[in-house]
C-alpha atoms as a PDB file:
ATOM      1  CA  MET A   1     -40.168 -51.564   4.192  1.00  0.00           C
ATOM      2  CA  ILE A   2     -37.484 -53.142   1.994  1.00  0.00           C
ATOM      3  CA  ASN A   3     -34.299 -54.090   3.840  1.00  0.00           C
ATOM      4  CA  PRO A   4     -31.271 -52.625   1.936  1.00  0.00           C
ATOM      5  CA  ALA A   5     -29.164 -55.624   2.984  1.00  0.00           C
ATOM      6  CA  HIS A   6     -31.662 -57.918   1.269  1.00  0.00           C
ATOM      7  CA  LEU A   7     -31.323 -55.868  -1.931  1.00  0.00           C
ATOM      8  CA  ASP A   8     -27.543 -56.288  -1.819  1.00  0.00           C
ATOM      9  CA  LEU A   9     -27.928 -60.066  -1.556  1.00  0.00           C
ATOM     10  CA  PHE A  10     -30.525 -60.066  -4.346  1.00  0.00           C
ATOM     11  CA  ARG A  11     -28.074 -58.254  -6.618  1.00  0.00           C
ATOM     12  CA  ALA A  12     -25.364 -60.775  -5.705  1.00  0.00           C
ATOM     13  CA  VAL A  13     -27.599 -63.716  -6.621  1.00  0.00           C
ATOM     14  CA  MET A  14     -28.466 -62.077  -9.963  1.00  0.00           C
ATOM     15  CA  ARG A  15     -24.829 -61.255 -10.644  1.00  0.00           C
ATOM     16  CA  HIS A  16     -23.469 -64.727  -9.852  1.00  0.00           C
ATOM     17  CA  GLY A  17     -26.342 -66.798 -11.227  1.00  0.00           C
ATOM     18  CA  GLY A  18     -27.386 -68.599  -8.095  1.00  0.00           C
ATOM     19  CA  MET A  19     -27.545 -68.519  -4.308  1.00  0.00           C
ATOM     20  CA  THR A  20     -24.819 -71.113  -3.824  1.00  0.00           C
ATOM     21  CA  ARG A  21     -22.331 -69.262  -6.031  1.00  0.00           C
ATOM     22  CA  ALA A  22     -23.240 -65.913  -4.431  1.00  0.00           C
ATOM     23  CA  ALA A  23     -22.651 -67.404  -0.986  1.00  0.00           C
ATOM     24  CA  GLU A  24     -19.220 -68.680  -2.047  1.00  0.00           C
ATOM     25  CA  VAL A  25     -18.161 -65.336  -3.465  1.00  0.00           C
ATOM     26  CA  LEU A  26     -19.436 -63.382  -0.448  1.00  0.00           C
ATOM     27  CA  GLY A  27     -18.058 -65.896   2.051  1.00  0.00           C
ATOM     28  CA  ILE A  28     -21.347 -66.435   3.862  1.00  0.00           C
ATOM     29  CA  GLY A  29     -23.660 -69.389   4.310  1.00  0.00           C
ATOM     30  CA  GLN A  30     -26.112 -70.235   1.547  1.00  0.00           C
ATOM     31  CA  PRO A  31     -29.023 -70.607   4.019  1.00  0.00           C
ATOM     32  CA  HIS A  32     -28.469 -66.975   5.073  1.00  0.00           C
ATOM     33  CA  ILE A  33     -28.976 -65.823   1.476  1.00  0.00           C
ATOM     34  CA  SER A  34     -32.013 -68.088   1.021  1.00  0.00           C
ATOM     35  CA  ARG A  35     -33.676 -66.617   4.112  1.00  0.00           C
ATOM     36  CA  ALA A  36     -32.908 -63.069   2.997  1.00  0.00           C
ATOM     37  CA  ILE A  37     -34.400 -63.665  -0.465  1.00  0.00           C
ATOM     38  CA  ALA A  38     -37.491 -65.280   1.076  1.00  0.00           C
ATOM     39  CA  GLN A  39     -37.951 -62.289   3.374  1.00  0.00           C
ATOM     40  CA  LEU A  40     -37.541 -59.915   0.416  1.00  0.00           C
ATOM     41  CA  GLU A  41     -40.154 -61.853  -1.576  1.00  0.00           C
ATOM     42  CA  ALA A  42     -42.525 -61.689   1.392  1.00  0.00           C
ATOM     43  CA  THR A  43     -42.050 -57.931   1.576  1.00  0.00           C
ATOM     44  CA  LEU A  44     -42.571 -57.474  -2.183  1.00  0.00           C
ATOM     45  CA  GLY A  45     -45.502 -59.866  -2.488  1.00  0.00           C
ATOM     46  CA  PHE A  46     -44.163 -61.834  -5.474  1.00  0.00           C
ATOM     47  CA  THR A  47     -41.610 -64.565  -6.223  1.00  0.00           C
ATOM     48  CA  LEU A  48     -38.198 -63.486  -7.444  1.00  0.00           C
ATOM     49  CA  PHE A  49     -36.637 -66.840  -8.352  1.00  0.00           C
ATOM     50  CA  VAL A  50     -37.552 -70.309  -9.492  1.00  0.00           C
ATOM     51  CA  ARG A  51     -35.565 -72.548  -7.168  1.00  0.00           C
ATOM     52  CA  GLY A  52     -34.040 -75.861  -8.155  1.00  0.00           C
ATOM     53  CA  HIS A  53     -30.761 -77.791  -8.131  1.00  0.00           C
ATOM     54  CA  GLY A  54     -28.824 -74.998  -6.454  1.00  0.00           C
ATOM     55  CA  SER A  55     -29.601 -72.519  -9.191  1.00  0.00           C
ATOM     56  CA  ALA A  56     -31.913 -69.551  -8.952  1.00  0.00           C
ATOM     57  CA  LEU A  57     -33.496 -68.494 -12.219  1.00  0.00           C
ATOM     58  CA  PRO A  58     -35.298 -65.161 -12.011  1.00  0.00           C
ATOM     59  CA  THR A  59     -39.009 -65.102 -12.632  1.00  0.00           C
ATOM     60  CA  PRO A  60     -40.395 -62.475 -15.048  1.00  0.00           C
ATOM     61  CA  GLU A  61     -41.256 -60.426 -11.949  1.00  0.00           C
ATOM     62  CA  GLY A  62     -37.709 -60.992 -10.664  1.00  0.00           C
ATOM     63  CA  GLU A  63     -36.223 -59.785 -13.973  1.00  0.00           C
ATOM     64  CA  ALA A  64     -38.370 -56.644 -13.889  1.00  0.00           C
ATOM     65  CA  PHE A  65     -37.484 -55.961 -10.274  1.00  0.00           C
ATOM     66  CA  ALA A  66     -33.779 -56.520 -10.995  1.00  0.00           C
ATOM     67  CA  HIS A  67     -33.971 -53.839 -13.713  1.00  0.00           C
ATOM     68  CA  GLU A  68     -35.444 -51.335 -11.246  1.00  0.00           C
ATOM     69  CA  VAL A  69     -32.863 -52.234  -8.603  1.00  0.00           C
ATOM     70  CA  ALA A  70     -30.034 -51.743 -11.136  1.00  0.00           C
ATOM     71  CA  GLN A  71     -31.325 -48.246 -11.967  1.00  0.00           C
ATOM     72  CA  THR A  72     -31.592 -47.365  -8.280  1.00  0.00           C
ATOM     73  CA  PHE A  73     -28.061 -48.526  -7.520  1.00  0.00           C
ATOM     74  CA  ALA A  74     -26.755 -46.710 -10.598  1.00  0.00           C
ATOM     75  CA  GLY A  75     -28.128 -43.554  -9.010  1.00  0.00           C
ATOM     76  CA  LEU A  76     -26.400 -44.407  -5.742  1.00  0.00           C
ATOM     77  CA  ASP A  77     -23.136 -45.020  -7.602  1.00  0.00           C
ATOM     78  CA  HIS A  78     -23.533 -41.596  -9.200  1.00  0.00           C
ATOM     79  CA  LEU A  79     -23.989 -40.068  -5.741  1.00  0.00           C
ATOM     80  CA  ARG A  80     -20.865 -41.838  -4.485  1.00  0.00           C
ATOM     81  CA  GLN A  81     -18.874 -40.533  -7.458  1.00  0.00           C
ATOM     82  CA  ALA A  82     -20.239 -37.038  -6.912  1.00  0.00           C
ATOM     83  CA  ALA A  83     -19.288 -37.198  -3.239  1.00  0.00           C
ATOM     84  CA  CYS A  84     -15.778 -38.308  -4.220  1.00  0.00           C
ATOM     85  CA  ARG A  85     -15.430 -35.393  -6.643  1.00  0.00           C
ATOM     86  CA  ILE A  86     -16.651 -32.926  -4.033  1.00  0.00           C
ATOM     87  CA  ARG A  87     -14.285 -34.384  -1.448  1.00  0.00           C
ATOM     88  CA  GLU A  88     -11.305 -34.199  -3.799  1.00  0.00           C
ATOM     89  CA  ARG A  89     -12.077 -31.071  -5.825  1.00  0.00           C
ATOM     90  CA  GLY A  90     -14.621 -29.043  -3.893  1.00  0.00           C
ATOM     91  CA  THR A  91     -17.923 -27.831  -5.268  1.00  0.00           C
ATOM     92  CA  GLY A  92     -16.862 -26.893  -8.775  1.00  0.00           C
ATOM     93  CA  GLY A  93     -14.472 -24.694 -10.693  1.00  0.00           C
ATOM     94  CA  LEU A  94     -11.983 -22.264  -9.233  1.00  0.00           C
ATOM     95  CA  ARG A  95     -11.819 -18.563 -10.115  1.00  0.00           C
ATOM     96  CA  VAL A  96      -8.464 -16.877  -9.489  1.00  0.00           C
ATOM     97  CA  ALA A  97      -7.595 -13.205  -9.922  1.00  0.00           C
ATOM     98  CA  CYS A  98      -3.899 -12.390 -10.133  1.00  0.00           C
ATOM     99  CA  GLN A  99      -1.641  -9.405 -10.603  1.00  0.00           C
ATOM    100  CA  PRO A 100       0.467  -9.451 -13.806  1.00  0.00           C
ATOM    101  CA  SER A 101       3.795 -10.088 -12.056  1.00  0.00           C
ATOM    102  CA  LEU A 102       2.723 -13.603 -10.986  1.00  0.00           C
ATOM    103  CA  ALA A 103       0.193 -14.430 -13.700  1.00  0.00           C
ATOM    104  CA  ALA A 104       2.727 -15.623 -16.279  1.00  0.00           C
ATOM    105  CA  GLY A 105       4.992 -17.734 -14.087  1.00  0.00           C
ATOM    106  CA  LEU A 106       4.317 -18.592 -10.466  1.00  0.00           C
ATOM    107  CA  LEU A 107       0.543 -19.022 -10.784  1.00  0.00           C
ATOM    108  CA  PRO A 108       0.641 -21.243 -13.906  1.00  0.00           C
ATOM    109  CA  ARG A 109       3.263 -23.454 -12.280  1.00  0.00           C
ATOM    110  CA  ALA A 110       1.081 -23.835  -9.178  1.00  0.00           C
ATOM    111  CA  ILE A 111      -1.910 -24.669 -11.372  1.00  0.00           C
ATOM    112  CA  ARG A 112       0.163 -27.296 -13.185  1.00  0.00           C
ATOM    113  CA  ARG A 113       0.860 -28.931  -9.807  1.00  0.00           C
ATOM    114  CA  LEU A 114      -2.840 -28.854  -8.956  1.00  0.00           C
ATOM    115  CA  ASP A 115      -3.816 -30.268 -12.348  1.00  0.00           C
ATOM    116  CA  ALA A 116      -1.427 -33.189 -11.836  1.00  0.00           C
ATOM    117  CA  GLU A 117      -3.088 -33.813  -8.470  1.00  0.00           C
ATOM    118  CA  CYS A 118      -6.686 -33.343  -9.679  1.00  0.00           C
ATOM    119  CA  PRO A 119      -6.941 -34.009 -13.442  1.00  0.00           C
ATOM    120  CA  GLY A 120      -9.909 -32.468 -15.200  1.00  0.00           C
ATOM    121  CA  LEU A 121     -10.262 -29.476 -12.886  1.00  0.00           C
ATOM    122  CA  ARG A 122     -11.796 -26.224 -14.104  1.00  0.00           C
ATOM    123  CA  ILE A 123      -9.921 -23.011 -13.287  1.00  0.00           C
ATOM    124  CA  SER A 124     -10.353 -19.537 -14.718  1.00  0.00           C
ATOM    125  CA  VAL A 125      -7.523 -17.015 -14.353  1.00  0.00           C
ATOM    126  CA  HIS A 126      -8.147 -13.274 -14.544  1.00  0.00           C
ATOM    127  CA  VAL A 127      -5.615 -10.429 -14.515  1.00  0.00           C
ATOM    128  CA  PRO A 128      -7.528  -7.269 -13.532  1.00  0.00           C
ATOM    129  CA  SER A 129      -6.338  -4.209 -11.626  1.00  0.00           C
ATOM    130  CA  PRO A 130      -5.380  -4.555  -7.934  1.00  0.00           C
ATOM    131  CA  ASP A 131      -8.508  -2.696  -6.809  1.00  0.00           C
ATOM    132  CA  THR A 132     -10.653  -5.040  -8.890  1.00  0.00           C
ATOM    133  CA  ILE A 133      -8.992  -8.090  -7.346  1.00  0.00           C
ATOM    134  CA  TRP A 134      -9.817  -6.778  -3.863  1.00  0.00           C
ATOM    135  CA  SER A 135     -13.399  -5.964  -4.898  1.00  0.00           C
ATOM    136  CA  TRP A 136     -13.896  -9.413  -6.389  1.00  0.00           C
ATOM    137  CA  ALA A 137     -12.593 -11.072  -3.227  1.00  0.00           C
ATOM    138  CA  ALA A 138     -14.912  -8.939  -1.073  1.00  0.00           C
ATOM    139  CA  SER A 139     -17.953  -9.809  -3.199  1.00  0.00           C
ATOM    140  CA  GLY A 140     -17.079 -13.492  -3.645  1.00  0.00           C
ATOM    141  CA  GLN A 141     -16.525 -13.112  -7.398  1.00  0.00           C
ATOM    142  CA  CYS A 142     -13.185 -14.861  -7.064  1.00  0.00           C
ATOM    143  CA  ASP A 143     -12.071 -17.661  -4.770  1.00  0.00           C
ATOM    144  CA  LEU A 144      -8.482 -16.455  -4.464  1.00  0.00           C
ATOM    145  CA  GLY A 145      -6.605 -13.333  -5.389  1.00  0.00           C
ATOM    146  CA  LEU A 146      -2.946 -12.309  -5.532  1.00  0.00           C
ATOM    147  CA  ALA A 147      -2.622  -8.551  -5.408  1.00  0.00           C
ATOM    148  CA  ARG A 148      -0.710  -5.568  -4.090  1.00  0.00           C
ATOM    149  CA  PRO A 149      -1.798  -4.381  -0.632  1.00  0.00           C
ATOM    150  CA  ARG A 150      -4.813  -2.100  -0.473  1.00  0.00           C
ATOM    151  CA  SER A 151      -6.795  -0.578   2.389  1.00  0.00           C
ATOM    152  CA  GLY A 152     -10.479   0.119   2.830  1.00  0.00           C
ATOM    153  CA  HIS A 153     -11.829  -3.226   1.607  1.00  0.00           C
ATOM    154  CA  ALA A 154     -14.128  -5.019   4.055  1.00  0.00           C
ATOM    155  CA  GLY A 155     -15.150  -8.649   3.760  1.00  0.00           C
ATOM    156  CA  VAL A 156     -11.689  -9.814   2.725  1.00  0.00           C
ATOM    157  CA  ILE A 157      -9.172 -12.057   4.452  1.00  0.00           C
ATOM    158  CA  ALA A 158      -5.673 -10.984   3.441  1.00  0.00           C
ATOM    159  CA  GLU A 159      -2.286 -12.381   4.377  1.00  0.00           C
ATOM    160  CA  THR A 160       1.208 -11.583   3.176  1.00  0.00           C
ATOM    161  CA  PHE A 161       2.175 -14.025   0.449  1.00  0.00           C
ATOM    162  CA  LEU A 162       5.432 -12.692  -0.992  1.00  0.00           C
ATOM    163  CA  ARG A 163       7.956  -9.974  -0.142  1.00  0.00           C
ATOM    164  CA  VAL A 164      10.786  -9.068  -2.495  1.00  0.00           C
ATOM    165  CA  ALA A 165      13.093  -6.082  -2.980  1.00  0.00           C
ATOM    166  CA  ALA A 166      12.934  -4.084  -6.203  1.00  0.00           C
ATOM    167  CA  VAL A 167      15.893  -4.305  -8.562  1.00  0.00           C
ATOM    168  CA  CYS A 168      17.401  -2.000 -11.132  1.00  0.00           C
ATOM    169  CA  VAL A 169      17.291  -3.362 -14.672  1.00  0.00           C
ATOM    170  CA  LEU A 170      19.932  -2.085 -17.101  1.00  0.00           C
ATOM    171  CA  PRO A 171      20.865  -2.812 -20.715  1.00  0.00           C
ATOM    172  CA  ARG A 172      23.560  -5.438 -21.008  1.00  0.00           C
ATOM    173  CA  GLY A 173      26.876  -3.653 -21.446  1.00  0.00           C
ATOM    174  CA  HIS A 174      25.732  -0.499 -19.604  1.00  0.00           C
ATOM    175  CA  ALA A 175      28.514   1.173 -17.618  1.00  0.00           C
ATOM    176  CA  LEU A 176      26.598   0.726 -14.360  1.00  0.00           C
ATOM    177  CA  ALA A 177      26.165  -3.011 -14.970  1.00  0.00           C
ATOM    178  CA  ARG A 178      29.660  -3.564 -13.541  1.00  0.00           C
ATOM    179  CA  ARG A 179      28.460  -2.441 -10.116  1.00  0.00           C
ATOM    180  CA  ARG A 180      27.197  -4.920  -7.547  1.00  0.00           C
ATOM    181  CA  ALA A 181      24.354  -2.575  -6.494  1.00  0.00           C
ATOM    182  CA  ILE A 182      22.824   0.576  -7.904  1.00  0.00           C
ATOM    183  CA  THR A 183      21.930   3.650  -5.826  1.00  0.00           C
ATOM    184  CA  ALA A 184      19.685   6.588  -6.550  1.00  0.00           C
ATOM    185  CA  ALA A 185      22.782   8.770  -6.814  1.00  0.00           C
ATOM    186  CA  ASP A 186      24.160   6.497  -9.560  1.00  0.00           C
ATOM    187  CA  LEU A 187      21.098   7.263 -11.662  1.00  0.00           C
ATOM    188  CA  ALA A 188      21.223  11.045 -11.361  1.00  0.00           C
ATOM    189  CA  ASP A 189      21.830  11.627 -15.079  1.00  0.00           C
ATOM    190  CA  VAL A 190      20.412   8.389 -16.482  1.00  0.00           C
ATOM    191  CA  PRO A 191      17.121   8.246 -18.446  1.00  0.00           C
ATOM    192  CA  LEU A 192      14.583   6.327 -16.360  1.00  0.00           C
ATOM    193  CA  ILE A 193      11.428   4.441 -17.296  1.00  0.00           C
ATOM    194  CA  ALA A 194       8.595   5.189 -14.878  1.00  0.00           C
ATOM    195  CA  ALA A 195       6.122   2.618 -13.553  1.00  0.00           C
ATOM    196  CA  GLY A 196       2.970   4.681 -13.882  1.00  0.00           C
ATOM    197  CA  SER A 197       1.014   5.359 -10.702  1.00  0.00           C
ATOM    198  CA  SER A 198       2.085   2.159  -8.956  1.00  0.00           C
ATOM    199  CA  PRO A 199       3.403   1.900  -5.367  1.00  0.00           C
ATOM    200  CA  VAL A 200       6.813   0.979  -6.835  1.00  0.00           C
ATOM    201  CA  GLN A 201       6.896   4.298  -8.672  1.00  0.00           C
ATOM    202  CA  ALA A 202       5.976   6.246  -5.538  1.00  0.00           C
ATOM    203  CA  ALA A 203       8.655   4.429  -3.530  1.00  0.00           C
ATOM    204  CA  THR A 204      11.215   5.040  -6.286  1.00  0.00           C
ATOM    205  CA  GLU A 205      10.509   8.768  -6.323  1.00  0.00           C
ATOM    206  CA  ALA A 206      10.769   8.832  -2.517  1.00  0.00           C
ATOM    207  CA  ALA A 207      14.169   7.097  -2.689  1.00  0.00           C
ATOM    208  CA  PHE A 208      15.448   9.725  -5.128  1.00  0.00           C
ATOM    209  CA  ALA A 209      14.102  12.551  -2.964  1.00  0.00           C
ATOM    210  CA  GLN A 210      15.811  11.065   0.086  1.00  0.00           C
ATOM    211  CA  ALA A 211      19.104  10.992  -1.834  1.00  0.00           C
ATOM    212  CA  GLY A 212      18.630  14.587  -3.001  1.00  0.00           C
ATOM    213  CA  VAL A 213      18.552  13.503  -6.641  1.00  0.00           C
ATOM    214  CA  THR A 214      16.103  14.691  -9.296  1.00  0.00           C
ATOM    215  CA  PRO A 215      15.158  11.671 -11.449  1.00  0.00           C
ATOM    216  CA  HIS A 216      14.822  11.954 -15.215  1.00  0.00           C
ATOM    217  CA  PHE A 217      11.812   9.896 -16.268  1.00  0.00           C
ATOM    218  CA  ALA A 218      11.879   9.832 -20.044  1.00  0.00           C
ATOM    219  CA  LEU A 219       9.374   7.044 -20.648  1.00  0.00           C
ATOM    220  CA  MET A 220       6.595   5.243 -18.770  1.00  0.00           C
ATOM    221  CA  ALA A 221       5.312   1.657 -18.987  1.00  0.00           C
ATOM    222  CA  GLU A 222       2.812   0.049 -16.643  1.00  0.00           C
ATOM    223  CA  TYR A 223       4.064  -3.540 -16.563  1.00  0.00           C
ATOM    224  CA  THR A 224       7.481  -4.929 -15.675  1.00  0.00           C
ATOM    225  CA  ALA A 225       7.845  -6.803 -18.978  1.00  0.00           C
ATOM    226  CA  ALA A 226       7.137  -3.613 -20.919  1.00  0.00           C
ATOM    227  CA  ARG A 227       9.702  -1.631 -18.925  1.00  0.00           C
ATOM    228  CA  CYS A 228      12.270  -4.372 -19.365  1.00  0.00           C
ATOM    229  CA  GLY A 229      11.559  -4.368 -23.101  1.00  0.00           C
ATOM    230  CA  LEU A 230      12.326  -0.653 -23.286  1.00  0.00           C
ATOM    231  CA  VAL A 231      15.494  -1.206 -21.271  1.00  0.00           C
ATOM    232  CA  ALA A 232      16.539  -4.000 -23.655  1.00  0.00           C
ATOM    233  CA  GLU A 233      16.283  -1.488 -26.497  1.00  0.00           C
ATOM    234  CA  GLY A 234      18.674   0.861 -24.688  1.00  0.00           C
ATOM    235  CA  LEU A 235      16.022   3.473 -23.933  1.00  0.00           C
ATOM    236  CA  GLY A 236      16.809   3.814 -20.223  1.00  0.00           C
ATOM    237  CA  VAL A 237      16.878   1.893 -16.956  1.00  0.00           C
ATOM    238  CA  ALA A 238      14.054   0.989 -14.615  1.00  0.00           C
ATOM    239  CA  ILE A 239      13.263  -0.078 -11.060  1.00  0.00           C
ATOM    240  CA  VAL A 240      11.185  -3.251 -11.281  1.00  0.00           C
ATOM    241  CA  ASP A 241       9.765  -6.275  -9.498  1.00  0.00           C
ATOM    242  CA  PRO A 242      12.455  -8.996  -9.728  1.00  0.00           C
ATOM    243  CA  VAL A 243      10.028 -11.930 -10.019  1.00  0.00           C
ATOM    244  CA  PRO A 244       8.770 -11.262 -13.571  1.00  0.00           C
ATOM    245  CA  ALA A 245      12.082  -9.638 -14.549  1.00  0.00           C
ATOM    246  CA  ARG A 246      14.058 -12.800 -13.774  1.00  0.00           C
ATOM    247  CA  ALA A 247      11.796 -14.739 -16.122  1.00  0.00           C
ATOM    248  CA  LEU A 248      13.223 -12.674 -19.017  1.00  0.00           C
ATOM    249  CA  GLY A 249      16.619 -14.341 -18.847  1.00  0.00           C
ATOM    250  CA  GLY A 250      17.085 -14.426 -22.610  1.00  0.00           C
ATOM    251  CA  TRP A 251      16.788 -10.658 -22.962  1.00  0.00           C
ATOM    252  CA  PRO A 252      19.870  -8.374 -23.217  1.00  0.00           C
ATOM    253  CA  ILE A 253      19.362  -6.960 -19.733  1.00  0.00           C
ATOM    254  CA  VAL A 254      20.999  -7.316 -16.325  1.00  0.00           C
ATOM    255  CA  LEU A 255      19.468  -6.988 -12.867  1.00  0.00           C
ATOM    256  CA  ARG A 256      21.222  -5.381  -9.932  1.00  0.00           C
ATOM    257  CA  PRO A 257      20.042  -4.717  -6.342  1.00  0.00           C
ATOM    258  CA  PHE A 258      18.785  -1.169  -5.824  1.00  0.00           C
ATOM    259  CA  ARG A 259      19.613   0.919  -2.770  1.00  0.00           C
ATOM    260  CA  PRO A 260      17.882   2.095  -0.690  1.00  0.00           C
ATOM    261  CA  GLU A 261      15.830  -1.094  -0.671  1.00  0.00           C
ATOM    262  CA  ILE A 262      12.287  -0.790  -2.009  1.00  0.00           C
ATOM    263  CA  PRO A 263      10.070  -3.604  -0.678  1.00  0.00           C
ATOM    264  CA  ILE A 264       7.407  -5.031  -2.962  1.00  0.00           C
ATOM    265  CA  GLU A 265       4.648  -7.018  -1.255  1.00  0.00           C
ATOM    266  CA  THR A 266       2.017  -9.355  -2.620  1.00  0.00           C
ATOM    267  CA  VAL A 267      -0.924 -10.469  -0.500  1.00  0.00           C
ATOM    268  CA  LEU A 268      -3.174 -13.491  -0.861  1.00  0.00           C
ATOM    269  CA  VAL A 269      -6.819 -12.443  -0.551  1.00  0.00           C
ATOM    270  CA  ARG A 270     -10.027 -14.438  -0.345  1.00  0.00           C
ATOM    271  CA  PRO A 271     -13.631 -13.802   0.675  1.00  0.00           C
ATOM    272  CA  ALA A 272     -14.237 -13.566   4.409  1.00  0.00           C
ATOM    273  CA  GLY A 273     -17.084 -15.424   6.085  1.00  0.00           C
ATOM    274  CA  ARG A 274     -16.588 -18.776   4.398  1.00  0.00           C
ATOM    275  CA  PRO A 275     -13.730 -21.255   4.413  1.00  0.00           C
ATOM    276  CA  PRO A 276     -11.869 -21.915   1.164  1.00  0.00           C
ATOM    277  CA  GLY A 277     -13.012 -24.924  -0.833  1.00  0.00           C
ATOM    278  CA  ARG A 278     -10.914 -28.022  -1.356  1.00  0.00           C
ATOM    279  CA  LEU A 279      -9.455 -26.812  -4.679  1.00  0.00           C
ATOM    280  CA  ALA A 280      -8.631 -23.398  -3.235  1.00  0.00           C
ATOM    281  CA  GLU A 281      -6.873 -24.989  -0.260  1.00  0.00           C
ATOM    282  CA  ARG A 282      -4.749 -27.187  -2.506  1.00  0.00           C
ATOM    283  CA  LEU A 283      -3.906 -24.295  -4.825  1.00  0.00           C
ATOM    284  CA  ILE A 284      -2.734 -22.235  -1.840  1.00  0.00           C
ATOM    285  CA  VAL A 285      -0.390 -25.093  -0.891  1.00  0.00           C
ATOM    286  CA  HIS A 286       1.055 -25.235  -4.407  1.00  0.00           C
ATOM    287  CA  LEU A 287       1.352 -21.449  -4.615  1.00  0.00           C
ATOM    288  CA  ALA A 288       3.390 -21.487  -1.403  1.00  0.00           C
ATOM    289  CA  ALA A 289       5.612 -24.253  -2.795  1.00  0.00           C
ATOM    290  CA  GLU A 290       6.321 -22.236  -5.939  1.00  0.00           C
ATOM    291  CA  ARG A 291       6.953 -19.110  -3.865  1.00  0.00           C
ATOM    292  CA  ASP A 292       9.418 -20.951  -1.659  1.00  0.00           C
ATOM    293  CA  ALA A 293      11.178 -22.253  -4.771  1.00  0.00           C
ATOM    294  CA  LEU A 294      11.924 -18.609  -5.621  1.00  0.00           C
ATOM    295  CA  GLY A 295      13.815 -18.265  -2.344  1.00  0.00           C
ATOM    296  CA  ALA A 296      11.711 -15.273  -1.314  1.00  0.00           C
ATOM    297  CA  ARG A 297       8.894 -14.827   1.178  1.00  0.00           C
END
């Protein structure tokens, strides 16, 4: 059996052009290298070098063997590089499913942090419905998901990621914009823009019912940006998630706290039964850093 240590010394002799020079570079005695090469030749059954005057010229057999050794060690170098990539980046690309409110701001900023840390990574971002995000996490079709809370999904690990309070968005210059907070009673006769069948819409309707006010929903738009766009055109006011709304700072709208408070929660979900990969772990860290930069948890 070939001794791997002998192969290392053989490569050193080939690289440095002689046993004496190889010994100097490696900081070991030249007789040690000579014995190792002799033992390797005995194992192989042919001469590797023509000795003389401190040099070591490879024989034709030595040249051929050196070529094979180089190919073998190139394969080992490839394995070392692959191990390094796996250690630093996990087993491959990362698939993330995200709700719209975080897909245009917080998530891209977290990915930018991760890209600076691990250049050349592969990440795919998807923005499906909340139920789809939960289903993908349960089936392993995504590595991480950011979604509204849901029940009835097995095979998912979920933890609270972000809690914020809904705000009222009004056109700039609206009479109510002078108030520090907006109540359901303040909106009794104001055209409202509904949020579809979302939990925010249900909570908004409950807040109006609690205040004994009948809301006037004139329009409906599913996403925060769409509702804010309608508000900017003076078509009504809306109760929205503050995270995407604050990103629209150049629009002619103002945000005010809404009372009673309507909590909006986002959970981080991932497949149960297997730990997150290296990339997923690092992305979670950067997501948390971006969340904390918002000043909300």
